PDB file of N, CA and C in Angstrom:
ATOM      1  N   UNK A   1     104.626  89.497  91.330  1.00  0.00           N
ATOM      2  CA  UNK A   1     104.732  88.636  92.253  1.00  0.00           C
ATOM      3  C   UNK A   1     103.131  88.229  92.555  1.00  0.00           C
ATOM      4  N   UNK A   2     102.557  87.348  92.740  1.00  0.00           N
ATOM      5  CA  UNK A   2     101.111  87.205  93.417  1.00  0.00           C
ATOM      6  C   UNK A   2     101.025  87.773  94.738  1.00  0.00           C
ATOM      7  N   UNK A   3      99.761  87.976  95.206  1.00  0.00           N
ATOM      8  CA  UNK A   3      99.183  88.382  95.960  1.00  0.00           C
ATOM      9  C   UNK A   3      99.491  87.421  97.578  1.00  0.00           C
ATOM     10  N   UNK A   4     100.242  87.984  98.332  1.00  0.00           N
ATOM     11  CA  UNK A   4     100.367  87.246  99.473  1.00  0.00           C
ATOM     12  C   UNK A   4      99.938  87.369 101.082  1.00  0.00           C
ATOM     13  N   UNK A   5      99.261  86.680 101.759  1.00  0.00           N
ATOM     14  CA  UNK A   5      98.602  86.457 102.863  1.00  0.00           C
ATOM     15  C   UNK A   5      99.508  87.870 103.618  1.00  0.00           C
ATOM     16  N   UNK A   6      98.599  88.573 104.446  1.00  0.00           N
ATOM     17  CA  UNK A   6      99.571  89.604 105.409  1.00  0.00           C
ATOM     18  C   UNK A   6     100.156  88.847 106.724  1.00  0.00           C
ATOM     19  N   UNK A   7      99.732  87.835 106.884  1.00  0.00           N
ATOM     20  CA  UNK A   7     100.087  87.411 108.076  1.00  0.00           C
ATOM     21  C   UNK A   7     101.424  86.528 108.086  1.00  0.00           C
ATOM     22  N   UNK A   8     101.769  86.045 106.579  1.00  0.00           N
ATOM     23  CA  UNK A   8     103.184  85.456 106.360  1.00  0.00           C
ATOM     24  C   UNK A   8     103.940  86.785 106.039  1.00  0.00           C
ATOM     25  N   UNK A   9     103.632  87.734 105.518  1.00  0.00           N
ATOM     26  CA  UNK A   9     104.067  88.965 104.390  1.00  0.00           C
ATOM     27  C   UNK A   9     105.516  89.373 105.227  1.00  0.00           C
ATOM     28  N   UNK A  10     105.508  89.573 106.668  1.00  0.00           N
ATOM     29  CA  UNK A  10     106.444  89.798 107.290  1.00  0.00           C
ATOM     30  C   UNK A  10     107.681  88.763 107.503  1.00  0.00           C
ATOM     31  N   UNK A  11     107.518  87.644 107.660  1.00  0.00           N
ATOM     32  CA  UNK A  11     108.175  86.623 107.764  1.00  0.00           C
ATOM     33  C   UNK A  11     109.069  86.528 106.742  1.00  0.00           C
ATOM     34  N   UNK A  12     108.293  86.025 105.498  1.00  0.00           N
ATOM     35  CA  UNK A  12     108.902  86.175 104.305  1.00  0.00           C
ATOM     36  C   UNK A  12     109.674  87.334 103.509  1.00  0.00           C
ATOM     37  N   UNK A  13     109.583  88.514 104.104  1.00  0.00           N
ATOM     38  CA  UNK A  13     110.156  89.684 103.836  1.00  0.00           C
ATOM     39  C   UNK A  13     111.662  89.736 104.685  1.00  0.00           C
ATOM     40  N   UNK A  14     111.520  89.475 106.008  1.00  0.00           N
ATOM     41  CA  UNK A  14     112.587  89.105 106.492  1.00  0.00           C
ATOM     42  C   UNK A  14     113.548  88.097 106.083  1.00  0.00           C
ATOM     43  N   UNK A  15     113.322  86.766 105.762  1.00  0.00           N
ATOM     44  CA  UNK A  15     113.844  85.875 104.776  1.00  0.00           C
ATOM     45  C   UNK A  15     114.616  86.248 103.998  1.00  0.00           C
ATOM     46  N   UNK A  16     113.672  86.882 103.103  1.00  0.00           N
ATOM     47  CA  UNK A  16     114.061  87.443 102.044  1.00  0.00           C
ATOM     48  C   UNK A  16     115.231  88.679 101.953  1.00  0.00           C
ATOM     49  N   UNK A  17     115.187  89.622 102.889  1.00  0.00           N
ATOM     50  CA  UNK A  17     116.272  90.666 103.036  1.00  0.00           C
ATOM     51  C   UNK A  17     117.442  89.928 103.525  1.00  0.00           C
ATOM     52  N   UNK A  18     117.580  88.734 104.319  1.00  0.00           N
ATOM     53  CA  UNK A  18     118.689  88.319 105.109  1.00  0.00           C
ATOM     54  C   UNK A  18     119.537  87.826 104.015  1.00  0.00           C
ATOM     55  N   UNK A  19     119.038  87.409 102.732  1.00  0.00           N
ATOM     56  CA  UNK A  19     119.889  86.225 101.854  1.00  0.00           C
ATOM     57  C   UNK A  19     120.097  87.399 100.397  1.00  0.00           C
ATOM     58  N   UNK A  20     119.516  88.358 100.487  1.00  0.00           N
ATOM     59  CA  UNK A  20     119.968  89.171  99.042  1.00  0.00           C
ATOM     60  C   UNK A  20     121.207  90.055  99.428  1.00  0.00           C
ATOM     61  N   UNK A  21     121.881  90.364  98.471  1.00  0.00           N
ATOM     62  CA  UNK A  21     123.102  91.351  98.570  1.00  0.00           C
ATOM     63  C   UNK A  21     122.489  92.823  98.471  1.00  0.00           C
ATOM     64  N   UNK A  22     123.504  93.535  99.017  1.00  0.00           N
ATOM     65  CA  UNK A  22     123.413  95.118  99.005  1.00  0.00           C
ATOM     66  C   UNK A  22     123.358  95.603  97.492  1.00  0.00           C
ATOM     67  N   UNK A  23     123.098  96.554  96.679  1.00  0.00           N
ATOM     68  CA  UNK A  23     121.972  97.364  97.413  1.00  0.00           C
ATOM     69  C   UNK A  23     120.494  96.797  97.039  1.00  0.00           C
ATOM     70  N   UNK A  24     120.429  95.697  96.902  1.00  0.00           N
ATOM     71  CA  UNK A  24     118.925  94.997  96.436  1.00  0.00           C
ATOM     72  C   UNK A  24     117.776  95.413  97.758  1.00  0.00           C
ATOM     73  N   UNK A  25     116.687  95.080  97.219  1.00  0.00           N
ATOM     74  CA  UNK A  25     115.555  95.174  98.143  1.00  0.00           C
ATOM     75  C   UNK A  25     114.218  94.578  98.056  1.00  0.00           C
ATOM     76  N   UNK A  26     113.296  94.669  98.654  1.00  0.00           N
ATOM     77  CA  UNK A  26     112.043  94.178  98.538  1.00  0.00           C
ATOM     78  C   UNK A  26     111.263  95.198  98.842  1.00  0.00           C
ATOM     79  N   UNK A  27     109.488  95.620  98.023  1.00  0.00           N
ATOM     80  CA  UNK A  27     109.035  96.320  97.996  1.00  0.00           C
ATOM     81  C   UNK A  27     107.754  95.737  98.386  1.00  0.00           C
ATOM     82  N   UNK A  28     106.679  96.176  99.183  1.00  0.00           N
ATOM     83  CA  UNK A  28     105.212  95.568  99.920  1.00  0.00           C
ATOM     84  C   UNK A  28     104.517  96.641  99.389  1.00  0.00           C
ATOM     85  N   UNK A  29     103.598  96.208  98.905  1.00  0.00           N
ATOM     86  CA  UNK A  29     102.373  97.060  97.945  1.00  0.00           C
ATOM     87  C   UNK A  29     101.229  96.893  98.418  1.00  0.00           C
ATOM     88  N   UNK A  30     100.153  97.400  98.260  1.00  0.00           N
ATOM     89  CA  UNK A  30      98.625  97.375  98.850  1.00  0.00           C
ATOM     90  C   UNK A  30      98.355  96.704  97.060  1.00  0.00           C
ATOM     91  N   UNK A  31      96.948  96.223  96.943  1.00  0.00           N
ATOM     92  CA  UNK A  31      96.377  95.635  96.058  1.00  0.00           C
ATOM     93  C   UNK A  31      96.260  96.460  94.873  1.00  0.00           C
ATOM     94  N   UNK A  32      96.335  98.072  95.627  1.00  0.00           N
ATOM     95  CA  UNK A  32      96.037  98.912  94.103  1.00  0.00           C
ATOM     96  C   UNK A  32      97.161  99.802  94.368  1.00  0.00           C
ATOM     97  N   UNK A  33      98.282  99.295  94.994  1.00  0.00           N
ATOM     98  CA  UNK A  33      99.869  99.553  94.636  1.00  0.00           C
ATOM     99  C   UNK A  33      99.779 101.167  94.665  1.00  0.00           C
ATOM    100  N   UNK A  34      98.963 101.721  95.775  1.00  0.00           N
ATOM    101  CA  UNK A  34      99.245 103.235  95.817  1.00  0.00           C
ATOM    102  C   UNK A  34      99.730 103.456  97.307  1.00  0.00           C
ATOM    103  N   UNK A  35     100.015 102.634  98.398  1.00  0.00           N
ATOM    104  CA  UNK A  35     100.847 102.448  99.310  1.00  0.00           C
ATOM    105  C   UNK A  35     101.593 101.524  99.512  1.00  0.00           C
ATOM    106  N   UNK A  36     102.588 101.876 100.249  1.00  0.00           N
ATOM    107  CA  UNK A  36     103.615 100.746 100.878  1.00  0.00           C
ATOM    108  C   UNK A  36     104.764 100.807 101.425  1.00  0.00           C
ATOM    109  N   UNK A  37     105.683  99.660 101.397  1.00  0.00           N
ATOM    110  CA  UNK A  37     107.324  99.794 102.256  1.00  0.00           C
ATOM    111  C   UNK A  37     107.943  99.038 101.596  1.00  0.00           C
ATOM    112  N   UNK A  38     109.110  99.859 101.347  1.00  0.00           N
ATOM    113  CA  UNK A  38     110.345  99.615 100.676  1.00  0.00           C
ATOM    114  C   UNK A  38     111.250  99.137 101.961  1.00  0.00           C
ATOM    115  N   UNK A  39     112.088  97.869 101.788  1.00  0.00           N
ATOM    116  CA  UNK A  39     113.575  97.659 102.376  1.00  0.00           C
ATOM    117  C   UNK A  39     114.500  97.069 101.447  1.00  0.00           C
ATOM    118  N   UNK A  40     115.439  97.843 101.812  1.00  0.00           N
ATOM    119  CA  UNK A  40     116.643  98.090 100.868  1.00  0.00           C
ATOM    120  C   UNK A  40     118.041  97.449 101.712  1.00  0.00           C
ATOM    121  N   UNK A  41     118.614  96.824 101.273  1.00  0.00           N
ATOM    122  CA  UNK A  41     119.747  96.265 102.209  1.00  0.00           C
ATOM    123  C   UNK A  41     121.397  97.479 101.727  1.00  0.00           C
ATOM    124  N   UNK A  42     121.544  98.057 102.851  1.00  0.00           N
ATOM    125  CA  UNK A  42     122.787  98.878 102.960  1.00  0.00           C
ATOM    126  C   UNK A  42     123.897  98.215 102.642  1.00  0.00           C
ATOM    127  N   UNK A  43     123.935  97.492 103.825  1.00  0.00           N
ATOM    128  CA  UNK A  43     125.452  96.618 104.134  1.00  0.00           C
ATOM    129  C   UNK A  43     124.811  95.427 104.981  1.00  0.00           C
ATOM    130  N   UNK A  44     126.141  94.832 105.358  1.00  0.00           N
ATOM    131  CA  UNK A  44     126.042  93.609 106.270  1.00  0.00           C
ATOM    132  C   UNK A  44     124.233  93.615 107.426  1.00  0.00           C
ATOM    133  N   UNK A  45     124.421  94.832 108.183  1.00  0.00           N
ATOM    134  CA  UNK A  45     123.482  94.636 108.983  1.00  0.00           C
ATOM    135  C   UNK A  45     122.967  96.305 108.829  1.00  0.00           C
ATOM    136  N   UNK A  46     122.408  96.690 108.258  1.00  0.00           N
ATOM    137  CA  UNK A  46     122.141  98.038 107.767  1.00  0.00           C
ATOM    138  C   UNK A  46     121.088  97.889 106.772  1.00  0.00           C
ATOM    139  N   UNK A  47     119.831  98.334 107.162  1.00  0.00           N
ATOM    140  CA  UNK A  47     118.644  98.263 106.373  1.00  0.00           C
ATOM    141  C   UNK A  47     118.091  99.830 106.201  1.00  0.00           C
ATOM    142  N   UNK A  48     117.911 100.249 104.695  1.00  0.00           N
ATOM    143  CA  UNK A  48     116.761 101.487 104.709  1.00  0.00           C
ATOM    144  C   UNK A  48     115.259 100.978 104.403  1.00  0.00           C
ATOM    145  N   UNK A  49     114.911 101.689 105.735  1.00  0.00           N
ATOM    146  CA  UNK A  49     113.392 101.441 105.493  1.00  0.00           C
ATOM    147  C   UNK A  49     112.349 102.570 105.013  1.00  0.00           C
ATOM    148  N   UNK A  50     111.674 102.495 103.656  1.00  0.00           N
ATOM    149  CA  UNK A  50     110.673 103.873 103.140  1.00  0.00           C
ATOM    150  C   UNK A  50     109.670 103.329 103.235  1.00  0.00           C
ATOM    151  N   UNK A  51     108.667 104.014 104.202  1.00  0.00           N
ATOM    152  CA  UNK A  51     107.128 104.135 104.171  1.00  0.00           C
ATOM    153  C   UNK A  51     106.819 105.223 103.036  1.00  0.00           C
ATOM    154  N   UNK A  52     105.790 104.762 102.183  1.00  0.00           N
ATOM    155  CA  UNK A  52     104.975 105.769 101.543  1.00  0.00           C
ATOM    156  C   UNK A  52     103.708 105.150 101.371  1.00  0.00           C
ATOM    157  N   UNK A  53     102.552 106.482 101.657  1.00  0.00           N
ATOM    158  CA  UNK A  53     101.087 106.130 101.606  1.00  0.00           C
ATOM    159  C   UNK A  53     100.911 106.787 102.656  1.00  0.00           C
ATOM    160  N   UNK A  54     100.429 106.504 103.823  1.00  0.00           N
ATOM    161  CA  UNK A  54      99.302 107.421 104.822  1.00  0.00           C
ATOM    162  C   UNK A  54     100.500 108.480 105.329  1.00  0.00           C
ATOM    163  N   UNK A  55     102.002 107.719 105.624  1.00  0.00           N
ATOM    164  CA  UNK A  55     103.050 108.768 106.267  1.00  0.00           C
ATOM    165  C   UNK A  55     104.187 108.392 104.926  1.00  0.00           C
ATOM    166  N   UNK A  56     104.990 109.464 105.200  1.00  0.00           N
ATOM    167  CA  UNK A  56     106.175 109.485 104.255  1.00  0.00           C
ATOM    168  C   UNK A  56     107.094 109.472 105.698  1.00  0.00           C
ATOM    169  N   UNK A  57     108.163 108.476 105.646  1.00  0.00           N
ATOM    170  CA  UNK A  57     109.573 108.504 106.287  1.00  0.00           C
ATOM    171  C   UNK A  57     110.187 107.595 105.913  1.00  0.00           C
ATOM    172  N   UNK A  58     111.655 107.552 106.215  1.00  0.00           N
ATOM    173  CA  UNK A  58     112.730 106.751 106.244  1.00  0.00           C
ATOM    174  C   UNK A  58     113.528 106.696 107.413  1.00  0.00           C
ATOM    175  N   UNK A  59     113.646 105.563 107.362  1.00  0.00           N
ATOM    176  CA  UNK A  59     114.746 105.181 108.489  1.00  0.00           C
ATOM    177  C   UNK A  59     115.522 104.144 108.215  1.00  0.00           C
ATOM    178  N   UNK A  60     117.134 103.881 109.383  1.00  0.00           N
ATOM    179  CA  UNK A  60     117.535 103.440 108.779  1.00  0.00           C
ATOM    180  C   UNK A  60     117.834 102.447 110.134  1.00  0.00           C
ATOM    181  N   UNK A  61     117.788 101.162 109.651  1.00  0.00           N
ATOM    182  CA  UNK A  61     117.954 100.242 111.258  1.00  0.00           C
ATOM    183  C   UNK A  61     118.556  99.180 110.970  1.00  0.00           C
ATOM    184  N   UNK A  62     119.024  98.398 111.921  1.00  0.00           N
ATOM    185  CA  UNK A  62     119.550  97.070 111.639  1.00  0.00           C
ATOM    186  C   UNK A  62     118.681  95.872 111.781  1.00  0.00           C
ATOM    187  N   UNK A  63     119.279  94.830 111.762  1.00  0.00           N
ATOM    188  CA  UNK A  63     118.348  93.446 111.163  1.00  0.00           C
ATOM    189  C   UNK A  63     117.520  93.282 112.754  1.00  0.00           C
ATOM    190  N   UNK A  64     118.304  93.585 113.876  1.00  0.00           N
ATOM    191  CA  UNK A  64     117.036  93.263 114.847  1.00  0.00           C
ATOM    192  C   UNK A  64     116.080  93.813 115.073  1.00  0.00           C
ATOM    193  N   UNK A  65     116.232  95.376 114.714  1.00  0.00           N
ATOM    194  CA  UNK A  65     114.871  95.704 115.022  1.00  0.00           C
ATOM    195  C   UNK A  65     114.047  95.971 113.531  1.00  0.00           C
ATOM    196  N   UNK A  66     114.167  95.316 112.988  1.00  0.00           N
ATOM    197  CA  UNK A  66     113.714  95.331 111.681  1.00  0.00           C
ATOM    198  C   UNK A  66     112.051  94.814 111.468  1.00  0.00           C
ATOM    199  N   UNK A  67     112.017  93.513 111.932  1.00  0.00           N
ATOM    200  CA  UNK A  67     110.783  93.331 112.243  1.00  0.00           C
ATOM    201  C   UNK A  67     109.912  93.807 112.949  1.00  0.00           C
ATOM    202  N   UNK A  68     110.413  94.444 114.210  1.00  0.00           N
ATOM    203  CA  UNK A  68     109.539  95.358 115.093  1.00  0.00           C
ATOM    204  C   UNK A  68     108.826  96.740 114.263  1.00  0.00           C
ATOM    205  N   UNK A  69     109.856  96.900 113.456  1.00  0.00           N
ATOM    206  CA  UNK A  69     109.698  98.203 112.650  1.00  0.00           C
ATOM    207  C   UNK A  69     108.259  97.768 111.137  1.00  0.00           C
ATOM    208  N   UNK A  70     108.802  96.834 110.992  1.00  0.00           N
ATOM    209  CA  UNK A  70     107.991  96.642 109.683  1.00  0.00           C
ATOM    210  C   UNK A  70     106.243  96.137 109.948  1.00  0.00           C
ATOM    211  N   UNK A  71     106.171  95.526 111.472  1.00  0.00           N
ATOM    212  CA  UNK A  71     105.370  95.087 111.820  1.00  0.00           C
ATOM    213  C   UNK A  71     104.471  96.757 112.052  1.00  0.00           C
ATOM    214  N   UNK A  72     105.067  97.350 112.939  1.00  0.00           N
ATOM    215  CA  UNK A  72     104.417  98.806 112.904  1.00  0.00           C
ATOM    216  C   UNK A  72     103.899  99.562 111.731  1.00  0.00           C
ATOM    217  N   UNK A  73     104.855  99.204 110.946  1.00  0.00           N
ATOM    218  CA  UNK A  73     104.592 100.293 109.347  1.00  0.00           C
ATOM    219  C   UNK A  73     103.380  99.725 108.724  1.00  0.00           C
ATOM    220  N   UNK A  74     103.417  98.310 108.784  1.00  0.00           N
ATOM    221  CA  UNK A  74     102.272  97.441 108.132  1.00  0.00           C
ATOM    222  C   UNK A  74     101.363  97.672 108.427  1.00  0.00           C
ATOM    223  N   UNK A  75     100.769  97.680 109.979  1.00  0.00           N
ATOM    224  CA  UNK A  75      99.631  97.904 110.612  1.00  0.00           C
ATOM    225  C   UNK A  75      99.113  99.279 110.143  1.00  0.00           C
ATOM    226  N   UNK A  76      99.851 100.328 110.026  1.00  0.00           N
ATOM    227  CA  UNK A  76      99.604 101.570 109.763  1.00  0.00           C
ATOM    228  C   UNK A  76      99.279 101.562 108.388  1.00  0.00           C
ATOM    229  N   UNK A  77     100.004 101.307 107.500  1.00  0.00           N
ATOM    230  CA  UNK A  77     100.043 101.282 105.928  1.00  0.00           C
ATOM    231  C   UNK A  77      98.870  99.986 105.339  1.00  0.00           C
ATOM    232  N   UNK A  78      98.645  98.997 105.995  1.00  0.00           N
ATOM    233  CA  UNK A  78      97.750  98.148 105.410  1.00  0.00           C
ATOM    234  C   UNK A  78      96.600  97.950 106.310  1.00  0.00           C
ATOM    235  N   UNK A  79      95.732  98.645 106.705  1.00  0.00           N
ATOM    236  CA  UNK A  79      94.780  98.476 108.045  1.00  0.00           C
ATOM    237  C   UNK A  79      93.946  97.512 107.776  1.00  0.00           C
ATOM    238  N   UNK A  80      93.493  97.530 106.789  1.00  0.00           N
ATOM    239  CA  UNK A  80      92.153  96.282 106.316  1.00  0.00           C
ATOM    240  C   UNK A  80      92.663  95.387 105.464  1.00  0.00           C
ATOM    241  N   UNK A  81      93.919  95.540 104.853  1.00  0.00           N
ATOM    242  CA  UNK A  81      94.336  94.340 103.891  1.00  0.00           C
ATOM    243  C   UNK A  81      94.863  93.187 104.386  1.00  0.00           C
ATOM    244  N   UNK A  82      94.068  92.019 103.833  1.00  0.00           N
ATOM    245  CA  UNK A  82      94.105  90.733 103.986  1.00  0.00           C
ATOM    246  C   UNK A  82      95.336  89.787 103.199  1.00  0.00           C
ATOM    247  N   UNK A  83      95.886  90.984 101.957  1.00  0.00           N
ATOM    248  CA  UNK A  83      96.744  90.469 101.034  1.00  0.00           C
ATOM    249  C   UNK A  83      97.360  91.641 100.871  1.00  0.00           C
ATOM    250  N   UNK A  84      98.875  91.254 100.668  1.00  0.00           N
ATOM    251  CA  UNK A  84      99.608  92.559  99.868  1.00  0.00           C
ATOM    252  C   UNK A  84     100.516  91.655  98.838  1.00  0.00           C
ATOM    253  N   UNK A  85     101.308  92.916  97.572  1.00  0.00           N
ATOM    254  CA  UNK A  85     102.047  92.517  96.906  1.00  0.00           C
ATOM    255  C   UNK A  85     103.415  92.970  97.222  1.00  0.00           C
ATOM    256  N   UNK A  86     104.677  91.386  96.888  1.00  0.00           N
ATOM    257  CA  UNK A  86     105.916  91.804  97.263  1.00  0.00           C
ATOM    258  C   UNK A  86     106.619  91.880  95.959  1.00  0.00           C
ATOM    259  N   UNK A  87     107.412  93.010  95.658  1.00  0.00           N
ATOM    260  CA  UNK A  87     108.275  92.694  94.313  1.00  0.00           C
ATOM    261  C   UNK A  87     110.021  92.828  94.724  1.00  0.00           C
ATOM    262  N   UNK A  88     110.616  92.301  94.203  1.00  0.00           N
ATOM    263  CA  UNK A  88     111.979  92.639  94.540  1.00  0.00           C
ATOM    264  C   UNK A  88     112.629  93.877  93.959  1.00  0.00           C
ATOM    265  N   UNK A  89     113.668  94.308  94.308  1.00  0.00           N
ATOM    266  CA  UNK A  89     114.151  95.567  93.775  1.00  0.00           C
ATOM    267  C   UNK A  89     115.436  95.385  93.487  1.00  0.00           C
ATOM    268  N   UNK A  90     116.057  96.334  92.494  1.00  0.00           N
ATOM    269  CA  UNK A  90     117.005  95.587  92.219  1.00  0.00           C
ATOM    270  C   UNK A  90     118.121  97.034  92.708  1.00  0.00           C
ATOM    271  N   UNK A  91     117.693  97.809  93.056  1.00  0.00           N
ATOM    272  CA  UNK A  91     118.441  98.901  93.838  1.00  0.00           C
ATOM    273  C   UNK A  91     117.513 100.143  94.155  1.00  0.00           C
ATOM    274  N   UNK A  92     118.088 100.917  94.950  1.00  0.00           N
ATOM    275  CA  UNK A  92     117.332 101.907  95.524  1.00  0.00           C
ATOM    276  C   UNK A  92     116.316 103.174  94.847  1.00  0.00           C
ATOM    277  N   UNK A  93     117.031 102.986  93.571  1.00  0.00           N
ATOM    278  CA  UNK A  93     116.440 103.679  92.490  1.00  0.00           C
ATOM    279  C   UNK A  93     115.447 103.281  91.465  1.00  0.00           C
ATOM    280  N   UNK A  94     114.840 101.654  91.694  1.00  0.00           N
ATOM    281  CA  UNK A  94     114.048 100.886  91.564  1.00  0.00           C
ATOM    282  C   UNK A  94     112.838 101.006  92.152  1.00  0.00           C
ATOM    283  N   UNK A  95     112.560 101.440  93.538  1.00  0.00           N
ATOM    284  CA  UNK A  95     111.665 102.226  94.065  1.00  0.00           C
ATOM    285  C   UNK A  95     110.576 102.777  93.749  1.00  0.00           C
ATOM    286  N   UNK A  96     109.342 102.633  93.572  1.00  0.00           N
ATOM    287  CA  UNK A  96     108.242 103.401  93.493  1.00  0.00           C
ATOM    288  C   UNK A  96     108.468 103.471  91.446  1.00  0.00           C
ATOM    289  N   UNK A  97     108.757 102.343  90.867  1.00  0.00           N
ATOM    290  CA  UNK A  97     108.532 102.298  89.274  1.00  0.00           C
ATOM    291  C   UNK A  97     107.185 102.101  89.182  1.00  0.00           C
ATOM    292  N   UNK A  98     106.610 102.171  87.918  1.00  0.00           N
ATOM    293  CA  UNK A  98     105.307 101.711  87.398  1.00  0.00           C
ATOM    294  C   UNK A  98     105.504 100.429  87.363  1.00  0.00           C
ATOM    295  N   UNK A  99     104.392  99.687  88.191  1.00  0.00           N
ATOM    296  CA  UNK A  99     104.128  98.092  87.995  1.00  0.00           C
ATOM    297  C   UNK A  99     103.108  97.982  86.745  1.00  0.00           C
ATOM    298  N   UNK A 100     102.761  96.610  86.822  1.00  0.00           N
ATOM    299  CA  UNK A 100     101.818  96.255  85.894  1.00  0.00           C
ATOM    300  C   UNK A 100     100.131  96.212  86.502  1.00  0.00           C
ATOM    301  N   UNK A 101      99.582  97.093  85.837  1.00  0.00           N
ATOM    302  CA  UNK A 101      97.961  97.081  86.074  1.00  0.00           C
ATOM    303  C   UNK A 101      97.212  95.865  85.890  1.00  0.00           C
ATOM    304  N   UNK A 102      96.597  95.693  86.417  1.00  0.00           N
ATOM    305  CA  UNK A 102      95.562  94.623  86.476  1.00  0.00           C
ATOM    306  C   UNK A 102      94.065  95.113  85.546  1.00  0.00           C
TER     307      UNK A 102
END
């Protein structure tokens, strides 16, 4: 997928994960694809958020807490980024797979 402005990324991710079926998800990556955040839908109101880059952590949250958590993780993982990449995931096992290089 193309590069997306960081200001609209969280809104777009929330809209996307609200529509997808479990266990699919979305992955946000930096331009160089070395840091990112993955959001995987586990159930009706349950999401697994994985952060990989400056910090490594996994958090399970409900949809109401997802926006706040994504904003804090994005500030930490993408401090100087103005654009990020968004990919759709088919499941938890597709997270971290090799992406096309530029």
